[in-house]
Amino acid sequence: MRTAQVFYNNIPAGILQENDRHNYLFTYDEAYFKDKGLPAISLTLPKSKQVYHSSFLFPFFFNMLAEGVNRKLQSTQLKIDENDSFGFLLATARYDTVGAITVKPVEDDTTD
């Protein structure tokens, strides 16, 4: 399982989880949800207490990723499987994104 924290203008907005490549979850942060002045991160993910489930990476996050030649170049340079969209998101959506949303990996403190 891989986990990322989603930020809106550097404000923690929610948690995105990949349980496997066919099981994704998004949940809004409680404080973000309660703040009426903060918008939903996407029209397709309205502010709600529910946990959003998807069998593929949510289109909102997928659309933050490079495509075509740029994706192949990133795959080579970052040593990420070209089909690993969540891995690309974790590696490339931390700092310089179009819009207010950034995505940062949550480091897992557990050891196997």
PDB file of N, CA and C in Angstrom:
ATOM      1  N   MET A   1       0.843  -1.167   0.000  1.00  0.00           N
ATOM      2  CA  MET A   1       0.000   0.000   0.000  1.00  0.00           C
ATOM      3  C   MET A   1       0.899   1.245   0.000  1.00  0.00           C
ATOM      4  N   ARG A   2       0.527   2.216  -0.839  1.00  0.00           N
ATOM      5  CA  ARG A   2       1.235   3.489  -0.870  1.00  0.00           C
ATOM      6  C   ARG A   2       0.239   4.596  -0.553  1.00  0.00           C
ATOM      7  N   THR A   3       0.732   5.598   0.167  1.00  0.00           N
ATOM      8  CA  THR A   3      -0.128   6.675   0.631  1.00  0.00           C
ATOM      9  C   THR A   3       0.494   8.017   0.307  1.00  0.00           C
ATOM     10  N   ALA A   4      -0.380   8.970  -0.059  1.00  0.00           N
ATOM     11  CA  ALA A   4       0.069  10.329  -0.343  1.00  0.00           C
ATOM     12  C   ALA A   4      -0.854  11.318   0.353  1.00  0.00           C
ATOM     13  N   GLN A   5      -0.263  12.440   0.754  1.00  0.00           N
ATOM     14  CA  GLN A   5      -1.073  13.516   1.300  1.00  0.00           C
ATOM     15  C   GLN A   5      -1.305  14.532   0.187  1.00  0.00           C
ATOM     16  N   VAL A   6      -2.539  14.959   0.047  1.00  0.00           N
ATOM     17  CA  VAL A   6      -2.930  15.912  -0.977  1.00  0.00           C
ATOM     18  C   VAL A   6      -3.059  17.281  -0.314  1.00  0.00           C
ATOM     19  N   PHE A   7      -2.479  18.299  -0.949  1.00  0.00           N
ATOM     20  CA  PHE A   7      -2.496  19.654  -0.426  1.00  0.00           C
ATOM     21  C   PHE A   7      -3.193  20.598  -1.394  1.00  0.00           C
ATOM     22  N   TYR A   8      -3.910  21.565  -0.835  1.00  0.00           N
ATOM     23  CA  TYR A   8      -4.487  22.662  -1.603  1.00  0.00           C
ATOM     24  C   TYR A   8      -3.777  23.931  -1.125  1.00  0.00           C
ATOM     25  N   ASN A   9      -2.975  24.537  -1.993  1.00  0.00           N
ATOM     26  CA  ASN A   9      -2.181  25.719  -1.612  1.00  0.00           C
ATOM     27  C   ASN A   9      -1.443  25.491  -0.291  1.00  0.00           C
ATOM     28  N   ASN A  10      -0.777  24.357  -0.180  1.00  0.00           N
ATOM     29  CA  ASN A  10       0.009  23.955   0.993  1.00  0.00           C
ATOM     30  C   ASN A  10      -0.821  23.679   2.242  1.00  0.00           C
ATOM     31  N   ILE A  11      -2.120  23.573   2.106  1.00  0.00           N
ATOM     32  CA  ILE A  11      -2.997  23.212   3.227  1.00  0.00           C
ATOM     33  C   ILE A  11      -3.369  21.740   3.056  1.00  0.00           C
ATOM     34  N   PRO A  12      -3.134  20.899   4.070  1.00  0.00           N
ATOM     35  CA  PRO A  12      -3.509  19.485   3.939  1.00  0.00           C
ATOM     36  C   PRO A  12      -4.996  19.335   3.627  1.00  0.00           C
ATOM     37  N   ALA A  13      -5.292  18.699   2.498  1.00  0.00           N
ATOM     38  CA  ALA A  13      -6.680  18.561   2.046  1.00  0.00           C
ATOM     39  C   ALA A  13      -7.207  17.144   2.187  1.00  0.00           C
ATOM     40  N   GLY A  14      -6.334  16.144   2.091  1.00  0.00           N
ATOM     41  CA  GLY A  14      -6.817  14.778   2.181  1.00  0.00           C
ATOM     42  C   GLY A  14      -5.720  13.756   1.997  1.00  0.00           C
ATOM     43  N   ILE A  15      -6.137  12.505   2.007  1.00  0.00           N
ATOM     44  CA  ILE A  15      -5.224  11.371   1.860  1.00  0.00           C
ATOM     45  C   ILE A  15      -5.653  10.547   0.646  1.00  0.00           C
ATOM     46  N   LEU A  16      -4.680  10.232  -0.195  1.00  0.00           N
ATOM     47  CA  LEU A  16      -4.884   9.368  -1.356  1.00  0.00           C
ATOM     48  C   LEU A  16      -4.108   8.087  -1.116  1.00  0.00           C
ATOM     49  N   GLN A  17      -4.788   6.946  -1.264  1.00  0.00           N
ATOM     50  CA  GLN A  17      -4.146   5.649  -1.035  1.00  0.00           C
ATOM     51  C   GLN A  17      -4.266   4.767  -2.262  1.00  0.00           C
ATOM     52  N   GLU A  18      -3.196   4.030  -2.512  1.00  0.00           N
ATOM     53  CA  GLU A  18      -3.233   2.973  -3.519  1.00  0.00           C
ATOM     54  C   GLU A  18      -3.028   1.664  -2.765  1.00  0.00           C
ATOM     55  N   ASN A  19      -4.064   0.851  -2.689  1.00  0.00           N
ATOM     56  CA  ASN A  19      -3.933  -0.453  -2.045  1.00  0.00           C
ATOM     57  C   ASN A  19      -3.313  -1.460  -3.001  1.00  0.00           C
ATOM     58  N   ASP A  20      -3.685  -1.371  -4.265  1.00  0.00           N
ATOM     59  CA  ASP A  20      -3.041  -2.073  -5.371  1.00  0.00           C
ATOM     60  C   ASP A  20      -3.439  -1.308  -6.630  1.00  0.00           C
ATOM     61  N   ARG A  21      -2.991  -1.745  -7.786  1.00  0.00           N
ATOM     62  CA  ARG A  21      -3.236  -0.969  -9.003  1.00  0.00           C
ATOM     63  C   ARG A  21      -4.694  -0.953  -9.448  1.00  0.00           C
ATOM     64  N   HIS A  22      -5.549  -1.578  -8.674  1.00  0.00           N
ATOM     65  CA  HIS A  22      -6.975  -1.585  -9.002  1.00  0.00           C
ATOM     66  C   HIS A  22      -7.830  -1.209  -7.791  1.00  0.00           C
ATOM     67  N   ASN A  23      -7.227  -0.499  -6.830  1.00  0.00           N
ATOM     68  CA  ASN A  23      -7.952  -0.142  -5.614  1.00  0.00           C
ATOM     69  C   ASN A  23      -7.377   1.146  -5.033  1.00  0.00           C
ATOM     70  N   TYR A  24      -8.083   2.260  -5.266  1.00  0.00           N
ATOM     71  CA  TYR A  24      -7.645   3.571  -4.815  1.00  0.00           C
ATOM     72  C   TYR A  24      -8.708   4.182  -3.910  1.00  0.00           C
ATOM     73  N   LEU A  25      -8.244   4.943  -2.921  1.00  0.00           N
ATOM     74  CA  LEU A  25      -9.135   5.611  -1.974  1.00  0.00           C
ATOM     75  C   LEU A  25      -8.714   7.070  -1.834  1.00  0.00           C
ATOM     76  N   PHE A  26      -9.692   7.945  -1.676  1.00  0.00           N
ATOM     77  CA  PHE A  26      -9.407   9.335  -1.331  1.00  0.00           C
ATOM     78  C   PHE A  26     -10.348   9.737  -0.213  1.00  0.00           C
ATOM     79  N   THR A  27      -9.786  10.383   0.815  1.00  0.00           N
ATOM     80  CA  THR A  27     -10.551  10.857   1.960  1.00  0.00           C
ATOM     81  C   THR A  27     -10.107  12.281   2.287  1.00  0.00           C
ATOM     82  N   TYR A  28     -11.070  13.165   2.483  1.00  0.00           N
ATOM     83  CA  TYR A  28     -10.744  14.524   2.889  1.00  0.00           C
ATOM     84  C   TYR A  28     -10.266  14.557   4.330  1.00  0.00           C
ATOM     85  N   ASP A  29      -9.297  15.423   4.588  1.00  0.00           N
ATOM     86  CA  ASP A  29      -8.834  15.702   5.940  1.00  0.00           C
ATOM     87  C   ASP A  29      -9.985  16.336   6.719  1.00  0.00           C
ATOM     88  N   GLU A  30     -10.170  15.944   7.966  1.00  0.00           N
ATOM     89  CA  GLU A  30     -11.305  16.417   8.771  1.00  0.00           C
ATOM     90  C   GLU A  30     -11.317  17.941   8.900  1.00  0.00           C
ATOM     91  N   ALA A  31     -10.174  18.546   9.207  1.00  0.00           N
ATOM     92  CA  ALA A  31     -10.116  20.005   9.364  1.00  0.00           C
ATOM     93  C   ALA A  31     -10.405  20.700   8.036  1.00  0.00           C
ATOM     94  N   TYR A  32      -9.893  20.156   6.947  1.00  0.00           N
ATOM     95  CA  TYR A  32     -10.146  20.733   5.624  1.00  0.00           C
ATOM     96  C   TYR A  32     -11.634  20.641   5.298  1.00  0.00           C
ATOM     97  N   PHE A  33     -12.225  19.501   5.584  1.00  0.00           N
ATOM     98  CA  PHE A  33     -13.647  19.300   5.308  1.00  0.00           C
ATOM     99  C   PHE A  33     -14.504  20.316   6.073  1.00  0.00           C
ATOM    100  N   LYS A  34     -14.172  20.553   7.329  1.00  0.00           N
ATOM    101  CA  LYS A  34     -14.978  21.434   8.178  1.00  0.00           C
ATOM    102  C   LYS A  34     -14.838  22.910   7.810  1.00  0.00           C
ATOM    103  N   ASP A  35     -13.744  23.298   7.167  1.00  0.00           N
ATOM    104  CA  ASP A  35     -13.516  24.700   6.815  1.00  0.00           C
ATOM    105  C   ASP A  35     -14.337  25.056   5.580  1.00  0.00           C
ATOM    106  N   LYS A  36     -15.412  25.796   5.786  1.00  0.00           N
ATOM    107  CA  LYS A  36     -16.330  26.153   4.698  1.00  0.00           C
ATOM    108  C   LYS A  36     -15.670  27.053   3.651  1.00  0.00           C
ATOM    109  N   GLY A  37     -14.571  27.710   4.003  1.00  0.00           N
ATOM    110  CA  GLY A  37     -13.875  28.605   3.072  1.00  0.00           C
ATOM    111  C   GLY A  37     -12.971  27.893   2.092  1.00  0.00           C
ATOM    112  N   LEU A  38     -12.758  26.607   2.291  1.00  0.00           N
ATOM    113  CA  LEU A  38     -11.869  25.849   1.411  1.00  0.00           C
ATOM    114  C   LEU A  38     -12.696  25.044   0.405  1.00  0.00           C
ATOM    115  N   PRO A  39     -12.302  25.074  -0.867  1.00  0.00           N
ATOM    116  CA  PRO A  39     -13.082  24.391  -1.900  1.00  0.00           C
ATOM    117  C   PRO A  39     -12.761  22.902  -1.974  1.00  0.00           C
ATOM    118  N   ALA A  40     -13.610  22.191  -2.687  1.00  0.00           N
ATOM    119  CA  ALA A  40     -13.295  20.802  -3.038  1.00  0.00           C
ATOM    120  C   ALA A  40     -12.048  20.826  -3.915  1.00  0.00           C
ATOM    121  N   ILE A  41     -11.253  19.780  -3.862  1.00  0.00           N
ATOM    122  CA  ILE A  41     -10.050  19.768  -4.696  1.00  0.00           C
ATOM    123  C   ILE A  41     -10.390  19.569  -6.166  1.00  0.00           C
ATOM    124  N   SER A  42     -11.588  19.038  -6.427  1.00  0.00           N
ATOM    125  CA  SER A  42     -12.005  18.749  -7.796  1.00  0.00           C
ATOM    126  C   SER A  42     -13.524  18.675  -7.841  1.00  0.00           C
ATOM    127  N   LEU A  43     -14.091  18.993  -9.000  1.00  0.00           N
ATOM    128  CA  LEU A  43     -15.535  18.825  -9.163  1.00  0.00           C
ATOM    129  C   LEU A  43     -15.941  17.365  -9.053  1.00  0.00           C
ATOM    130  N   THR A  44     -15.032  16.479  -9.418  1.00  0.00           N
ATOM    131  CA  THR A  44     -15.334  15.045  -9.369  1.00  0.00           C
ATOM    132  C   THR A  44     -15.107  14.441  -7.981  1.00  0.00           C
ATOM    133  N   LEU A  45     -14.535  15.229  -7.064  1.00  0.00           N
ATOM    134  CA  LEU A  45     -14.333  14.799  -5.678  1.00  0.00           C
ATOM    135  C   LEU A  45     -14.872  15.877  -4.748  1.00  0.00           C
ATOM    136  N   PRO A  46     -16.205  16.059  -4.721  1.00  0.00           N
ATOM    137  CA  PRO A  46     -16.782  17.102  -3.872  1.00  0.00           C
ATOM    138  C   PRO A  46     -16.484  16.851  -2.397  1.00  0.00           C
ATOM    139  N   LYS A  47     -16.429  17.943  -1.619  1.00  0.00           N
ATOM    140  CA  LYS A  47     -16.155  17.794  -0.187  1.00  0.00           C
ATOM    141  C   LYS A  47     -17.238  16.937   0.446  1.00  0.00           C
ATOM    142  N   SER A  48     -16.797  15.881   1.105  1.00  0.00           N
ATOM    143  CA  SER A  48     -17.708  14.923   1.720  1.00  0.00           C
ATOM    144  C   SER A  48     -16.937  14.145   2.775  1.00  0.00           C
ATOM    145  N   LYS A  49     -17.657  13.618   3.730  1.00  0.00           N
ATOM    146  CA  LYS A  49     -17.025  12.759   4.740  1.00  0.00           C
ATOM    147  C   LYS A  49     -16.822  11.340   4.220  1.00  0.00           C
ATOM    148  N   GLN A  50     -17.433  11.037   3.093  1.00  0.00           N
ATOM    149  CA  GLN A  50     -17.315   9.678   2.550  1.00  0.00           C
ATOM    150  C   GLN A  50     -15.897   9.390   2.074  1.00  0.00           C
ATOM    151  N   VAL A  51     -15.572   8.135   2.005  1.00  0.00           N
ATOM    152  CA  VAL A  51     -14.320   7.692   1.402  1.00  0.00           C
ATOM    153  C   VAL A  51     -14.634   7.409  -0.063  1.00  0.00           C
ATOM    154  N   TYR A  52     -13.907   8.049  -0.951  1.00  0.00           N
ATOM    155  CA  TYR A  52     -14.090   7.805  -2.382  1.00  0.00           C
ATOM    156  C   TYR A  52     -13.279   6.576  -2.779  1.00  0.00           C
ATOM    157  N   HIS A  53     -13.884   5.678  -3.535  1.00  0.00           N
ATOM    158  CA  HIS A  53     -13.241   4.450  -3.996  1.00  0.00           C
ATOM    159  C   HIS A  53     -13.172   4.470  -5.516  1.00  0.00           C
ATOM    160  N   SER A  54     -12.106   3.892  -6.064  1.00  0.00           N
ATOM    161  CA  SER A  54     -11.993   3.779  -7.513  1.00  0.00           C
ATOM    162  C   SER A  54     -11.146   2.555  -7.850  1.00  0.00           C
ATOM    163  N   SER A  55     -11.454   1.940  -8.987  1.00  0.00           N
ATOM    164  CA  SER A  55     -10.662   0.786  -9.439  1.00  0.00           C
ATOM    165  C   SER A  55      -9.504   1.237 -10.328  1.00  0.00           C
ATOM    166  N   PHE A  56      -9.343   2.549 -10.503  1.00  0.00           N
ATOM    167  CA  PHE A  56      -8.212   3.122 -11.253  1.00  0.00           C
ATOM    168  C   PHE A  56      -7.874   4.457 -10.601  1.00  0.00           C
ATOM    169  N   LEU A  57      -6.670   4.965 -10.872  1.00  0.00           N
ATOM    170  CA  LEU A  57      -6.283   6.245 -10.296  1.00  0.00           C
ATOM    171  C   LEU A  57      -7.313   7.294 -10.704  1.00  0.00           C
ATOM    172  N   PHE A  58      -7.853   8.012  -9.733  1.00  0.00           N
ATOM    173  CA  PHE A  58      -8.886   9.009 -10.003  1.00  0.00           C
ATOM    174  C   PHE A  58      -8.451   9.905 -11.168  1.00  0.00           C
ATOM    175  N   PRO A  59      -9.334  10.152 -12.133  1.00  0.00           N
ATOM    176  CA  PRO A  59      -8.970  10.966 -13.302  1.00  0.00           C
ATOM    177  C   PRO A  59      -8.370  12.323 -12.939  1.00  0.00           C
ATOM    178  N   PHE A  60      -8.851  12.953 -11.869  1.00  0.00           N
ATOM    179  CA  PHE A  60      -8.288  14.237 -11.462  1.00  0.00           C
ATOM    180  C   PHE A  60      -6.785  14.129 -11.243  1.00  0.00           C
ATOM    181  N   PHE A  61      -6.342  13.086 -10.553  1.00  0.00           N
ATOM    182  CA  PHE A  61      -4.915  12.906 -10.270  1.00  0.00           C
ATOM    183  C   PHE A  61      -4.178  12.400 -11.511  1.00  0.00           C
ATOM    184  N   PHE A  62      -4.796  11.511 -12.259  1.00  0.00           N
ATOM    185  CA  PHE A  62      -4.167  10.995 -13.478  1.00  0.00           C
ATOM    186  C   PHE A  62      -3.860  12.130 -14.453  1.00  0.00           C
ATOM    187  N   ASN A  63      -4.743  13.109 -14.520  1.00  0.00           N
ATOM    188  CA  ASN A  63      -4.557  14.222 -15.444  1.00  0.00           C
ATOM    189  C   ASN A  63      -3.450  15.181 -15.022  1.00  0.00           C
ATOM    190  N   MET A  64      -2.881  14.987 -13.851  1.00  0.00           N
ATOM    191  CA  MET A  64      -1.736  15.784 -13.408  1.00  0.00           C
ATOM    192  C   MET A  64      -0.432  15.227 -13.980  1.00  0.00           C
ATOM    193  N   LEU A  65      -0.490  14.069 -14.616  1.00  0.00           N
ATOM    194  CA  LEU A  65       0.716  13.369 -15.070  1.00  0.00           C
ATOM    195  C   LEU A  65       1.070  13.699 -16.512  1.00  0.00           C
ATOM    196  N   ALA A  66       2.367  13.562 -16.804  1.00  0.00           N
ATOM    197  CA  ALA A  66       2.859  13.739 -18.172  1.00  0.00           C
ATOM    198  C   ALA A  66       2.374  12.582 -19.038  1.00  0.00           C
ATOM    199  N   GLU A  67       2.353  12.827 -20.343  1.00  0.00           N
ATOM    200  CA  GLU A  67       1.931  11.802 -21.302  1.00  0.00           C
ATOM    201  C   GLU A  67       2.997  11.644 -22.385  1.00  0.00           C
ATOM    202  N   GLY A  68       2.855  10.579 -23.154  1.00  0.00           N
ATOM    203  CA  GLY A  68       3.661  10.372 -24.355  1.00  0.00           C
ATOM    204  C   GLY A  68       5.157  10.360 -24.110  1.00  0.00           C
ATOM    205  N   VAL A  69       5.874  11.138 -24.924  1.00  0.00           N
ATOM    206  CA  VAL A  69       7.334  11.176 -24.867  1.00  0.00           C
ATOM    207  C   VAL A  69       7.816  11.659 -23.503  1.00  0.00           C
ATOM    208  N   ASN A  70       7.134  12.638 -22.933  1.00  0.00           N
ATOM    209  CA  ASN A  70       7.546  13.149 -21.615  1.00  0.00           C
ATOM    210  C   ASN A  70       7.421  12.073 -20.539  1.00  0.00           C
ATOM    211  N   ARG A  71       6.384  11.266 -20.627  1.00  0.00           N
ATOM    212  CA  ARG A  71       6.211  10.175 -19.649  1.00  0.00           C
ATOM    213  C   ARG A  71       7.325   9.138 -19.812  1.00  0.00           C
ATOM    214  N   LYS A  72       7.664   8.811 -21.052  1.00  0.00           N
ATOM    215  CA  LYS A  72       8.756   7.858 -21.290  1.00  0.00           C
ATOM    216  C   LYS A  72      10.073   8.388 -20.752  1.00  0.00           C
ATOM    217  N   LEU A  73      10.316   9.679 -20.971  1.00  0.00           N
ATOM    218  CA  LEU A  73      11.544  10.296 -20.474  1.00  0.00           C
ATOM    219  C   LEU A  73      11.576  10.262 -18.948  1.00  0.00           C
ATOM    220  N   GLN A  74      10.466  10.617 -18.305  1.00  0.00           N
ATOM    221  CA  GLN A  74      10.401  10.562 -16.845  1.00  0.00           C
ATOM    222  C   GLN A  74      10.584   9.133 -16.336  1.00  0.00           C
ATOM    223  N   SER A  75      10.013   8.187 -17.031  1.00  0.00           N
ATOM    224  CA  SER A  75      10.142   6.780 -16.648  1.00  0.00           C
ATOM    225  C   SER A  75      11.611   6.375 -16.616  1.00  0.00           C
ATOM    226  N   THR A  76      12.333   6.775 -17.644  1.00  0.00           N
ATOM    227  CA  THR A  76      13.758   6.441 -17.731  1.00  0.00           C
ATOM    228  C   THR A  76      14.557   7.167 -16.665  1.00  0.00           C
ATOM    229  N   GLN A  77      14.351   8.466 -16.545  1.00  0.00           N
ATOM    230  CA  GLN A  77      15.141   9.260 -15.608  1.00  0.00           C
ATOM    231  C   GLN A  77      14.837   8.938 -14.153  1.00  0.00           C
ATOM    232  N   LEU A  78      13.584   8.685 -13.840  1.00  0.00           N
ATOM    233  CA  LEU A  78      13.193   8.431 -12.458  1.00  0.00           C
ATOM    234  C   LEU A  78      13.178   6.946 -12.100  1.00  0.00           C
ATOM    235  N   LYS A  79      13.422   6.101 -13.111  1.00  0.00           N
ATOM    236  CA  LYS A  79      13.410   4.646 -12.919  1.00  0.00           C
ATOM    237  C   LYS A  79      12.075   4.166 -12.343  1.00  0.00           C
ATOM    238  N   ILE A  80      10.993   4.617 -12.999  1.00  0.00           N
ATOM    239  CA  ILE A  80       9.639   4.238 -12.607  1.00  0.00           C
ATOM    240  C   ILE A  80       9.017   3.491 -13.780  1.00  0.00           C
ATOM    241  N   ASP A  81       8.355   2.382 -13.494  1.00  0.00           N
ATOM    242  CA  ASP A  81       7.631   1.628 -14.511  1.00  0.00           C
ATOM    243  C   ASP A  81       6.669   2.577 -15.224  1.00  0.00           C
ATOM    244  N   GLU A  82       6.665   2.560 -16.538  1.00  0.00           N
ATOM    245  CA  GLU A  82       5.831   3.471 -17.321  1.00  0.00           C
ATOM    246  C   GLU A  82       4.338   3.319 -17.022  1.00  0.00           C
ATOM    247  N   ASN A  83       3.938   2.175 -16.489  1.00  0.00           N
ATOM    248  CA  ASN A  83       2.532   1.931 -16.160  1.00  0.00           C
ATOM    249  C   ASN A  83       2.178   2.258 -14.705  1.00  0.00           C
ATOM    250  N   ASP A  84       3.149   2.751 -13.942  1.00  0.00           N
ATOM    251  CA  ASP A  84       2.953   3.037 -12.523  1.00  0.00           C
ATOM    252  C   ASP A  84       2.524   4.499 -12.331  1.00  0.00           C
ATOM    253  N   SER A  85       1.263   4.773 -12.592  1.00  0.00           N
ATOM    254  CA  SER A  85       0.764   6.152 -12.502  1.00  0.00           C
ATOM    255  C   SER A  85       0.882   6.719 -11.091  1.00  0.00           C
ATOM    256  N   PHE A  86       0.608   5.905 -10.078  1.00  0.00           N
ATOM    257  CA  PHE A  86       0.710   6.397  -8.706  1.00  0.00           C
ATOM    258  C   PHE A  86       2.165   6.748  -8.384  1.00  0.00           C
ATOM    259  N   GLY A  87       3.092   5.934  -8.844  1.00  0.00           N
ATOM    260  CA  GLY A  87       4.513   6.228  -8.655  1.00  0.00           C
ATOM    261  C   GLY A  87       4.911   7.536  -9.306  1.00  0.00           C
ATOM    262  N   PHE A  88       4.420   7.784 -10.519  1.00  0.00           N
ATOM    263  CA  PHE A  88       4.678   9.058 -11.191  1.00  0.00           C
ATOM    264  C   PHE A  88       4.095  10.217 -10.395  1.00  0.00           C
ATOM    265  N   LEU A  89       2.893  10.036  -9.885  1.00  0.00           N
ATOM    266  CA  LEU A  89       2.246  11.088  -9.106  1.00  0.00           C
ATOM    267  C   LEU A  89       3.091  11.430  -7.882  1.00  0.00           C
ATOM    268  N   LEU A  90       3.557  10.411  -7.173  1.00  0.00           N
ATOM    269  CA  LEU A  90       4.376  10.632  -5.982  1.00  0.00           C
ATOM    270  C   LEU A  90       5.691  11.334  -6.315  1.00  0.00           C
ATOM    271  N   ALA A  91       6.247  11.014  -7.474  1.00  0.00           N
ATOM    272  CA  ALA A  91       7.550  11.560  -7.851  1.00  0.00           C
ATOM    273  C   ALA A  91       7.473  12.944  -8.484  1.00  0.00           C
ATOM    274  N   THR A  92       6.365  13.272  -9.130  1.00  0.00           N
ATOM    275  CA  THR A  92       6.347  14.503  -9.928  1.00  0.00           C
ATOM    276  C   THR A  92       5.366  15.567  -9.466  1.00  0.00           C
ATOM    277  N   ALA A  93       4.443  15.256  -8.588  1.00  0.00           N
ATOM    278  CA  ALA A  93       3.405  16.231  -8.213  1.00  0.00           C
ATOM    279  C   ALA A  93       3.661  16.884  -6.856  1.00  0.00           C
ATOM    280  N   ARG A  94       4.903  16.911  -6.438  1.00  0.00           N
ATOM    281  CA  ARG A  94       5.236  17.467  -5.123  1.00  0.00           C
ATOM    282  C   ARG A  94       5.348  18.991  -5.111  1.00  0.00           C
ATOM    283  N   TYR A  95       5.915  19.554  -6.161  1.00  0.00           N
ATOM    284  CA  TYR A  95       6.288  20.961  -6.109  1.00  0.00           C
ATOM    285  C   TYR A  95       5.647  21.803  -7.206  1.00  0.00           C
ATOM    286  N   ASP A  96       5.990  21.523  -8.417  1.00  0.00           N
ATOM    287  CA  ASP A  96       5.629  22.386  -9.537  1.00  0.00           C
ATOM    288  C   ASP A  96       4.478  21.779 -10.327  1.00  0.00           C
ATOM    289  N   THR A  97       3.261  22.079  -9.898  1.00  0.00           N
ATOM    290  CA  THR A  97       2.092  21.553 -10.589  1.00  0.00           C
ATOM    291  C   THR A  97       1.287  22.712 -11.164  1.00  0.00           C
ATOM    292  N   VAL A  98       0.455  22.409 -12.129  1.00  0.00           N
ATOM    293  CA  VAL A  98      -0.461  23.408 -12.660  1.00  0.00           C
ATOM    294  C   VAL A  98      -1.649  23.463 -11.704  1.00  0.00           C
ATOM    295  N   GLY A  99      -1.918  24.598 -11.141  1.00  0.00           N
ATOM    296  CA  GLY A  99      -3.026  24.718 -10.203  1.00  0.00           C
ATOM    297  C   GLY A  99      -2.562  24.672  -8.762  1.00  0.00           C
ATOM    298  N   ALA A 100      -3.508  24.547  -7.876  1.00  0.00           N
ATOM    299  CA  ALA A 100      -3.267  24.668  -6.436  1.00  0.00           C
ATOM    300  C   ALA A 100      -2.955  23.348  -5.742  1.00  0.00           C
ATOM    301  N   ILE A 101      -3.099  22.228  -6.435  1.00  0.00           N
ATOM    302  CA  ILE A 101      -2.968  20.916  -5.794  1.00  0.00           C
ATOM    303  C   ILE A 101      -1.551  20.367  -5.932  1.00  0.00           C
ATOM    304  N   THR A 102      -1.009  19.898  -4.824  1.00  0.00           N
ATOM    305  CA  THR A 102       0.239  19.146  -4.825  1.00  0.00           C
ATOM    306  C   THR A 102      -0.005  17.837  -4.086  1.00  0.00           C
ATOM    307  N   VAL A 103       0.842  16.855  -4.375  1.00  0.00           N
ATOM    308  CA  VAL A 103       0.696  15.524  -3.787  1.00  0.00           C
ATOM    309  C   VAL A 103       2.073  15.088  -3.297  1.00  0.00           C
ATOM    310  N   LYS A 104       2.146  14.729  -2.026  1.00  0.00           N
ATOM    311  CA  LYS A 104       3.423  14.331  -1.439  1.00  0.00           C
ATOM    312  C   LYS A 104       3.300  12.964  -0.785  1.00  0.00           C
ATOM    313  N   PRO A 105       4.315  12.126  -0.959  1.00  0.00           N
ATOM    314  CA  PRO A 105       4.247  10.793  -0.353  1.00  0.00           C
ATOM    315  C   PRO A 105       4.243  10.860   1.168  1.00  0.00           C
ATOM    316  N   VAL A 106       3.518   9.947   1.773  1.00  0.00           N
ATOM    317  CA  VAL A 106       3.546   9.764   3.223  1.00  0.00           C
ATOM    318  C   VAL A 106       4.501   8.619   3.469  1.00  0.00           C
ATOM    319  N   GLU A 107       5.541   8.900   4.214  1.00  0.00           N
ATOM    320  CA  GLU A 107       6.538   7.868   4.484  1.00  0.00           C
ATOM    321  C   GLU A 107       6.001   6.889   5.500  1.00  0.00           C
ATOM    322  N   ASP A 108       6.146   5.621   5.215  1.00  0.00           N
ATOM    323  CA  ASP A 108       5.674   4.553   6.088  1.00  0.00           C
ATOM    324  C   ASP A 108       6.784   4.221   7.080  1.00  0.00           C
ATOM    325  N   ASP A 109       6.481   4.339   8.371  1.00  0.00           N
ATOM    326  CA  ASP A 109       7.468   4.068   9.414  1.00  0.00           C
ATOM    327  C   ASP A 109       7.571   2.600   9.782  1.00  0.00           C
ATOM    328  N   THR A 110       6.688   1.768   9.227  1.00  0.00           N
ATOM    329  CA  THR A 110       6.738   0.352   9.580  1.00  0.00           C
ATOM    330  C   THR A 110       7.824  -0.346   8.795  1.00  0.00           C
ATOM    331  N   THR A 111       8.418  -1.347   9.398  1.00  0.00           N
ATOM    332  CA  THR A 111       9.420  -2.146   8.711  1.00  0.00           C
ATOM    333  C   THR A 111       8.909  -3.556   8.567  1.00  0.00           C
ATOM    334  N   ASP A 112       9.252  -4.171   7.457  1.00  0.00           N
ATOM    335  CA  ASP A 112       8.805  -5.557   7.215  1.00  0.00           C
ATOM    336  C   ASP A 112       9.846  -6.552   7.632  1.00  0.00           C
TER     337      ASP A 112
END
